[in-house]
């Protein structure tokens, strides 16, 4: 992943790496899970999703691209999630604060 001049993430084009696919799989499992809604803990679903993206960023994965892929595929199930831009901003800011 690269950064723009203002420091914001810019996804890399081309096929996802094996590592990125593993992180994508984890994110898709959380985003697509109906168990959070059944238990009434949808806010926990958002927290878990965000934590997976933060971990992916810490391990060098192309996390904005992973996030975008999940939002593109699962947006109909993610009405309670923040917007894509807000999610990326939250992960970017939390991950930077941990450095």
C-alpha atoms as a PDB file:
ATOM      1  CA  UNK A   1       0.000   0.000   0.000  1.00  0.00           C
ATOM      2  CA  UNK A   2       1.139   3.512  -0.698  1.00  0.00           C
ATOM      3  CA  UNK A   3       0.243   6.895   0.748  1.00  0.00           C
ATOM      4  CA  UNK A   4      -0.803  10.130  -0.908  1.00  0.00           C
ATOM      5  CA  UNK A   5       1.022  13.385  -0.175  1.00  0.00           C
ATOM      6  CA  UNK A   6      -1.381  14.122   2.696  1.00  0.00           C
ATOM      7  CA  UNK A   7      -0.700  10.736   4.309  1.00  0.00           C
ATOM      8  CA  UNK A   8      -4.034   9.112   3.485  1.00  0.00           C
ATOM      9  CA  UNK A   9      -4.043   5.512   2.297  1.00  0.00           C
ATOM     10  CA  UNK A  10      -4.176   4.744  -1.399  1.00  0.00           C
ATOM     11  CA  UNK A  11      -4.882   1.140  -2.350  1.00  0.00           C
ATOM     12  CA  UNK A  12      -2.518  -0.605  -4.737  1.00  0.00           C
ATOM     13  CA  UNK A  13      -3.990  -2.004  -7.967  1.00  0.00           C
ATOM     14  CA  UNK A  14      -3.653  -5.611  -9.126  1.00  0.00           C
ATOM     15  CA  UNK A  15      -4.435  -8.959  -7.535  1.00  0.00           C
ATOM     16  CA  UNK A  16      -4.569  -9.299  -3.774  1.00  0.00           C
ATOM     17  CA  UNK A  17      -1.695 -11.070  -2.083  1.00  0.00           C
ATOM     18  CA  UNK A  18      -2.237 -14.285  -0.139  1.00  0.00           C
ATOM     19  CA  UNK A  19      -1.955 -12.287   3.090  1.00  0.00           C
ATOM     20  CA  UNK A  20      -4.533  -9.753   1.914  1.00  0.00           C
ATOM     21  CA  UNK A  21      -6.895 -12.582   0.942  1.00  0.00           C
ATOM     22  CA  UNK A  22      -6.620 -14.045   4.436  1.00  0.00           C
ATOM     23  CA  UNK A  23      -7.487 -10.683   6.020  1.00  0.00           C
ATOM     24  CA  UNK A  24     -10.290 -10.193   3.496  1.00  0.00           C
ATOM     25  CA  UNK A  25     -11.717 -13.568   4.468  1.00  0.00           C
ATOM     26  CA  UNK A  26     -11.727 -12.595   8.161  1.00  0.00           C
ATOM     27  CA  UNK A  27     -13.414  -9.278   7.431  1.00  0.00           C
ATOM     28  CA  UNK A  28     -16.027 -10.893   5.179  1.00  0.00           C
ATOM     29  CA  UNK A  29     -16.845 -13.450   7.872  1.00  0.00           C
ATOM     30  CA  UNK A  30     -17.544 -10.693  10.406  1.00  0.00           C
ATOM     31  CA  UNK A  31     -19.392  -8.395   7.987  1.00  0.00           C
ATOM     32  CA  UNK A  32     -21.578 -11.237   6.727  1.00  0.00           C
ATOM     33  CA  UNK A  33     -22.383 -12.730  10.108  1.00  0.00           C
ATOM     34  CA  UNK A  34     -25.998 -12.514  11.130  1.00  0.00           C
ATOM     35  CA  UNK A  35     -25.314 -13.646  14.678  1.00  0.00           C
ATOM     36  CA  UNK A  36     -24.523 -10.097  15.849  1.00  0.00           C
ATOM     37  CA  UNK A  37     -27.997  -8.926  14.797  1.00  0.00           C
ATOM     38  CA  UNK A  38     -29.649 -11.966  16.359  1.00  0.00           C
ATOM     39  CA  UNK A  39     -27.941 -11.233  19.685  1.00  0.00           C
ATOM     40  CA  UNK A  40     -28.617  -7.495  19.411  1.00  0.00           C
ATOM     41  CA  UNK A  41     -24.908  -6.627  19.426  1.00  0.00           C
ATOM     42  CA  UNK A  42     -24.440  -4.983  16.046  1.00  0.00           C
ATOM     43  CA  UNK A  43     -22.156  -2.343  17.550  1.00  0.00           C
ATOM     44  CA  UNK A  44     -19.846  -5.206  18.569  1.00  0.00           C
ATOM     45  CA  UNK A  45     -19.777  -6.330  14.923  1.00  0.00           C
ATOM     46  CA  UNK A  46     -18.447  -2.912  13.893  1.00  0.00           C
ATOM     47  CA  UNK A  47     -15.818  -2.997  16.656  1.00  0.00           C
ATOM     48  CA  UNK A  48     -14.611  -6.482  15.680  1.00  0.00           C
ATOM     49  CA  UNK A  49     -14.491  -5.507  11.992  1.00  0.00           C
ATOM     50  CA  UNK A  50     -12.463  -2.377  12.800  1.00  0.00           C
ATOM     51  CA  UNK A  51     -10.055  -4.355  15.016  1.00  0.00           C
ATOM     52  CA  UNK A  52      -9.413  -6.836  12.206  1.00  0.00           C
ATOM     53  CA  UNK A  53      -8.579  -3.960   9.852  1.00  0.00           C
ATOM     54  CA  UNK A  54      -6.245  -2.437  12.454  1.00  0.00           C
ATOM     55  CA  UNK A  55      -4.474  -5.769  12.851  1.00  0.00           C
ATOM     56  CA  UNK A  56      -4.231  -6.118   9.066  1.00  0.00           C
ATOM     57  CA  UNK A  57      -2.660  -2.654   8.816  1.00  0.00           C
ATOM     58  CA  UNK A  58      -0.163  -3.489  11.561  1.00  0.00           C
ATOM     59  CA  UNK A  59       0.911  -6.562   9.590  1.00  0.00           C
ATOM     60  CA  UNK A  60       1.370  -4.680   6.321  1.00  0.00           C
ATOM     61  CA  UNK A  61      -1.792  -5.757   4.519  1.00  0.00           C
ATOM     62  CA  UNK A  62      -3.517  -3.480   2.009  1.00  0.00           C
ATOM     63  CA  UNK A  63      -6.284  -2.789   4.516  1.00  0.00           C
ATOM     64  CA  UNK A  64      -8.044   0.076   2.649  1.00  0.00           C
ATOM     65  CA  UNK A  65      -8.427  -2.182  -0.365  1.00  0.00           C
ATOM     66  CA  UNK A  66      -9.695  -4.991   1.865  1.00  0.00           C
ATOM     67  CA  UNK A  67     -12.177  -2.607   3.486  1.00  0.00           C
ATOM     68  CA  UNK A  68     -13.356  -1.355   0.092  1.00  0.00           C
ATOM     69  CA  UNK A  69     -13.870  -4.919  -1.159  1.00  0.00           C
ATOM     70  CA  UNK A  70     -15.971  -5.808   1.887  1.00  0.00           C
ATOM     71  CA  UNK A  71     -18.081  -2.670   1.586  1.00  0.00           C
ATOM     72  CA  UNK A  72     -18.632  -3.263  -2.153  1.00  0.00           C
ATOM     73  CA  UNK A  73     -19.805  -6.841  -1.633  1.00  0.00           C
ATOM     74  CA  UNK A  74     -21.606  -6.575   1.717  1.00  0.00           C
ATOM     75  CA  UNK A  75     -22.986  -3.023   1.827  1.00  0.00           C
ATOM     76  CA  UNK A  76     -26.587  -4.295   1.816  1.00  0.00           C
ATOM     77  CA  UNK A  77     -25.899  -6.070   5.143  1.00  0.00           C
ATOM     78  CA  UNK A  78     -23.889  -3.248   6.689  1.00  0.00           C
ATOM     79  CA  UNK A  79     -26.458  -0.483   7.208  1.00  0.00           C
ATOM     80  CA  UNK A  80     -25.333  -0.042  10.813  1.00  0.00           C
ATOM     81  CA  UNK A  81     -21.656   0.341   9.818  1.00  0.00           C
ATOM     82  CA  UNK A  82     -20.126   3.789   9.396  1.00  0.00           C
ATOM     83  CA  UNK A  83     -19.546   4.978   5.828  1.00  0.00           C
ATOM     84  CA  UNK A  84     -16.538   3.567   4.004  1.00  0.00           C
ATOM     85  CA  UNK A  85     -14.708   6.875   4.337  1.00  0.00           C
ATOM     86  CA  UNK A  86     -15.432   7.059   8.068  1.00  0.00           C
ATOM     87  CA  UNK A  87     -14.276   3.475   8.632  1.00  0.00           C
ATOM     88  CA  UNK A  88     -11.018   4.107   6.767  1.00  0.00           C
ATOM     89  CA  UNK A  89     -10.507   7.315   8.746  1.00  0.00           C
ATOM     90  CA  UNK A  90     -11.129   5.531  12.053  1.00  0.00           C
ATOM     91  CA  UNK A  91      -8.680   2.730  11.257  1.00  0.00           C
ATOM     92  CA  UNK A  92      -6.087   5.147   9.908  1.00  0.00           C
ATOM     93  CA  UNK A  93      -6.267   7.363  13.016  1.00  0.00           C
ATOM     94  CA  UNK A  94      -6.260   4.503  15.549  1.00  0.00           C
ATOM     95  CA  UNK A  95      -3.417   2.713  13.817  1.00  0.00           C
ATOM     96  CA  UNK A  96      -1.344   5.918  13.639  1.00  0.00           C
ATOM     97  CA  UNK A  97      -1.954   6.677  17.328  1.00  0.00           C
ATOM     98  CA  UNK A  98      -0.572   3.258  18.271  1.00  0.00           C
ATOM     99  CA  UNK A  99       2.814   3.947  16.675  1.00  0.00           C
END
